Amino acid sequence: MICISQEKLIEKVKKQRKAKNLTQEQLCDITGMNQQMIDRLENYEYMPSISQLEKLAEVLCFNIPDLYVDNEPMIHTSLRFDNVSEREKKAINQLVDMMTAAKQQIILRKTKKG
């Protein structure tokens, strides 16, 4: 499964923040994040939300796809749609979309285990 590497994110944030001569406090002012979040992020204790990640990428000029890694095998489940109505198909597809979004949120918030 492709997900965001916390290590790559932290390396990128630290490097770009220093390259732009920004303190953590200045970065907070620009992004709207609080200083504790930035400090915890740089110490592997926090993963930003998607909107925070997008703001960091915008301010620090990096591309989010550069942070992706493929580190988990994808598990596929097959469903038989022979006797499923269109309404049921739509509901199943919505459920899968919600599960995928939830998984991405979990990955974004996952912290590096020490």
C-alpha atoms as a PDB file:
ATOM      1  CA  MET A   1       0.000   0.000   0.000  1.00  0.00           C
ATOM      2  CA  ILE A   2       1.261   3.438  -0.812  1.00  0.00           C
ATOM      3  CA  CYS A   3       1.330   5.823   2.143  1.00  0.00           C
ATOM      4  CA  ILE A   4       3.169   8.878   3.373  1.00  0.00           C
ATOM      5  CA  SER A   5       6.522   8.256   5.013  1.00  0.00           C
ATOM      6  CA  GLN A   6       6.692  10.036   8.342  1.00  0.00           C
ATOM      7  CA  GLU A   7      10.480   9.977   8.125  1.00  0.00           C
ATOM      8  CA  LYS A   8      10.499  11.650   4.699  1.00  0.00           C
ATOM      9  CA  LEU A   9       7.953  14.219   5.863  1.00  0.00           C
ATOM     10  CA  ILE A  10       9.955  15.187   8.942  1.00  0.00           C
ATOM     11  CA  GLU A  11      13.208  15.334   6.995  1.00  0.00           C
ATOM     12  CA  LYS A  12      11.550  17.559   4.375  1.00  0.00           C
ATOM     13  CA  VAL A  13       9.911  19.884   6.932  1.00  0.00           C
ATOM     14  CA  LYS A  14      13.125  20.344   8.919  1.00  0.00           C
ATOM     15  CA  LYS A  15      15.282  20.845   5.830  1.00  0.00           C
ATOM     16  CA  GLN A  16      12.925  23.270   4.107  1.00  0.00           C
ATOM     17  CA  ARG A  17      12.172  25.230   7.288  1.00  0.00           C
ATOM     18  CA  LYS A  18      15.889  25.732   7.913  1.00  0.00           C
ATOM     19  CA  ALA A  19      16.578  26.518   4.239  1.00  0.00           C
ATOM     20  CA  LYS A  20      13.974  29.280   4.442  1.00  0.00           C
ATOM     21  CA  ASN A  21      15.513  30.515   7.728  1.00  0.00           C
ATOM     22  CA  LEU A  22      12.226  30.025   9.562  1.00  0.00           C
ATOM     23  CA  THR A  23      11.914  29.282  13.254  1.00  0.00           C
ATOM     24  CA  GLN A  24       9.225  26.896  14.394  1.00  0.00           C
ATOM     25  CA  GLU A  25       7.308  29.904  15.696  1.00  0.00           C
ATOM     26  CA  GLN A  26       7.480  31.666  12.326  1.00  0.00           C
ATOM     27  CA  LEU A  27       6.324  28.499  10.556  1.00  0.00           C
ATOM     28  CA  CYS A  28       3.403  28.329  12.987  1.00  0.00           C
ATOM     29  CA  ASP A  29       2.410  31.903  12.200  1.00  0.00           C
ATOM     30  CA  ILE A  30       2.444  31.200   8.459  1.00  0.00           C
ATOM     31  CA  THR A  31       0.668  27.824   8.554  1.00  0.00           C
ATOM     32  CA  GLY A  32      -1.754  28.452  11.398  1.00  0.00           C
ATOM     33  CA  MET A  33      -0.470  25.392  13.258  1.00  0.00           C
ATOM     34  CA  ASN A  34       0.579  25.818  16.881  1.00  0.00           C
ATOM     35  CA  GLN A  35       4.220  25.548  17.901  1.00  0.00           C
ATOM     36  CA  GLN A  36       3.650  22.398  19.925  1.00  0.00           C
ATOM     37  CA  MET A  37       2.403  20.638  16.762  1.00  0.00           C
ATOM     38  CA  ILE A  38       5.484  21.662  14.786  1.00  0.00           C
ATOM     39  CA  ASP A  39       7.799  20.632  17.625  1.00  0.00           C
ATOM     40  CA  ARG A  40       6.037  17.279  18.026  1.00  0.00           C
ATOM     41  CA  LEU A  41       6.089  16.753  14.250  1.00  0.00           C
ATOM     42  CA  GLU A  42       9.839  17.331  14.080  1.00  0.00           C
ATOM     43  CA  ASN A  43      10.295  14.880  16.972  1.00  0.00           C
ATOM     44  CA  TYR A  44       8.298  12.016  15.385  1.00  0.00           C
ATOM     45  CA  GLU A  45       5.405  12.479  17.805  1.00  0.00           C
ATOM     46  CA  TYR A  46       2.756  13.930  15.497  1.00  0.00           C
ATOM     47  CA  MET A  47       1.373  13.526  11.987  1.00  0.00           C
ATOM     48  CA  PRO A  48      -0.451  16.513  10.537  1.00  0.00           C
ATOM     49  CA  SER A  49      -3.961  16.340   9.143  1.00  0.00           C
ATOM     50  CA  ILE A  50      -4.360  16.437   5.384  1.00  0.00           C
ATOM     51  CA  SER A  51      -5.112  20.167   5.406  1.00  0.00           C
ATOM     52  CA  GLN A  52      -2.090  20.854   7.628  1.00  0.00           C
ATOM     53  CA  LEU A  53       0.098  18.721   5.375  1.00  0.00           C
ATOM     54  CA  GLU A  54      -1.098  20.648   2.326  1.00  0.00           C
ATOM     55  CA  LYS A  55      -0.345  23.971   4.034  1.00  0.00           C
ATOM     56  CA  LEU A  56       3.147  22.795   5.062  1.00  0.00           C
ATOM     57  CA  ALA A  57       3.832  21.678   1.493  1.00  0.00           C
ATOM     58  CA  GLU A  58       2.639  25.021   0.126  1.00  0.00           C
ATOM     59  CA  VAL A  59       4.664  27.135   2.574  1.00  0.00           C
ATOM     60  CA  LEU A  60       7.816  24.998   2.483  1.00  0.00           C
ATOM     61  CA  CYS A  61       7.626  24.300  -1.265  1.00  0.00           C
ATOM     62  CA  PHE A  62       7.643  20.517  -1.428  1.00  0.00           C
ATOM     63  CA  ASN A  63       5.481  17.987  -3.251  1.00  0.00           C
ATOM     64  CA  ILE A  64       3.391  15.618  -1.159  1.00  0.00           C
ATOM     65  CA  PRO A  65       3.750  12.721  -3.665  1.00  0.00           C
ATOM     66  CA  ASP A  66       7.527  12.829  -3.020  1.00  0.00           C
ATOM     67  CA  LEU A  67       6.749  11.580   0.498  1.00  0.00           C
ATOM     68  CA  TYR A  68       4.977   8.398  -0.633  1.00  0.00           C
ATOM     69  CA  VAL A  69       6.426   4.950   0.012  1.00  0.00           C
ATOM     70  CA  ASP A  70       5.107   1.505  -0.822  1.00  0.00           C
ATOM     71  CA  ASN A  71       5.511  -0.405   2.420  1.00  0.00           C
ATOM     72  CA  GLU A  72       2.529  -2.679   2.903  1.00  0.00           C
ATOM     73  CA  PRO A  73       1.164  -5.372   0.636  1.00  0.00           C
ATOM     74  CA  MET A  74      -2.317  -4.645  -0.641  1.00  0.00           C
ATOM     75  CA  ILE A  75      -4.963  -7.187   0.279  1.00  0.00           C
ATOM     76  CA  HIS A  76      -7.729  -7.589  -2.249  1.00  0.00           C
ATOM     77  CA  THR A  77     -11.175  -8.908  -1.461  1.00  0.00           C
ATOM     78  CA  SER A  78     -13.469 -10.042  -4.229  1.00  0.00           C
ATOM     79  CA  LEU A  79     -17.190  -9.535  -4.126  1.00  0.00           C
ATOM     80  CA  ARG A  80     -19.651 -11.232  -6.420  1.00  0.00           C
ATOM     81  CA  PHE A  81     -21.997  -8.733  -7.980  1.00  0.00           C
ATOM     82  CA  ASP A  82     -24.218 -11.303  -9.755  1.00  0.00           C
ATOM     83  CA  ASN A  83     -27.260 -10.913  -7.538  1.00  0.00           C
ATOM     84  CA  VAL A  84     -26.620  -7.420  -6.189  1.00  0.00           C
ATOM     85  CA  SER A  85     -28.896  -4.542  -7.089  1.00  0.00           C
ATOM     86  CA  GLU A  86     -27.547  -1.237  -8.409  1.00  0.00           C
ATOM     87  CA  ARG A  87     -28.446   0.377  -5.097  1.00  0.00           C
ATOM     88  CA  GLU A  88     -26.453  -2.265  -3.192  1.00  0.00           C
ATOM     89  CA  LYS A  89     -23.493  -1.850  -5.568  1.00  0.00           C
ATOM     90  CA  LYS A  90     -23.523   1.897  -4.954  1.00  0.00           C
ATOM     91  CA  ALA A  91     -23.648   1.369  -1.171  1.00  0.00           C
ATOM     92  CA  ILE A  92     -20.769  -1.128  -1.311  1.00  0.00           C
ATOM     93  CA  ASN A  93     -18.667   1.271  -3.384  1.00  0.00           C
ATOM     94  CA  GLN A  94     -19.374   4.101  -0.922  1.00  0.00           C
ATOM     95  CA  LEU A  95     -18.379   1.855   1.984  1.00  0.00           C
ATOM     96  CA  VAL A  96     -15.099   0.947   0.282  1.00  0.00           C
ATOM     97  CA  ASP A  97     -14.377   4.637  -0.382  1.00  0.00           C
ATOM     98  CA  MET A  98     -15.041   5.508   3.267  1.00  0.00           C
ATOM     99  CA  MET A  99     -12.827   2.648   4.478  1.00  0.00           C
ATOM    100  CA  THR A 100     -10.015   3.781   2.182  1.00  0.00           C
ATOM    101  CA  ALA A 101     -10.293   7.370   3.445  1.00  0.00           C
ATOM    102  CA  ALA A 102     -10.300   6.163   7.055  1.00  0.00           C
ATOM    103  CA  LYS A 103      -7.197   4.047   6.434  1.00  0.00           C
ATOM    104  CA  GLN A 104      -5.374   7.067   4.977  1.00  0.00           C
ATOM    105  CA  GLN A 105      -6.278   9.142   8.053  1.00  0.00           C
ATOM    106  CA  ILE A 106      -4.903   6.411  10.318  1.00  0.00           C
ATOM    107  CA  ILE A 107      -1.686   6.278   8.302  1.00  0.00           C
ATOM    108  CA  LEU A 108      -1.315  10.057   8.417  1.00  0.00           C
ATOM    109  CA  ARG A 109      -1.699  10.082  12.193  1.00  0.00           C
ATOM    110  CA  LYS A 110       0.452   7.054  12.887  1.00  0.00           C
ATOM    111  CA  THR A 111       3.543   7.951  14.837  1.00  0.00           C
ATOM    112  CA  LYS A 112       6.895   6.295  14.620  1.00  0.00           C
ATOM    113  CA  LYS A 113       7.238   3.663  17.313  1.00  0.00           C
ATOM    114  CA  GLY A 114      10.434   4.069  19.284  1.00  0.00           C
END
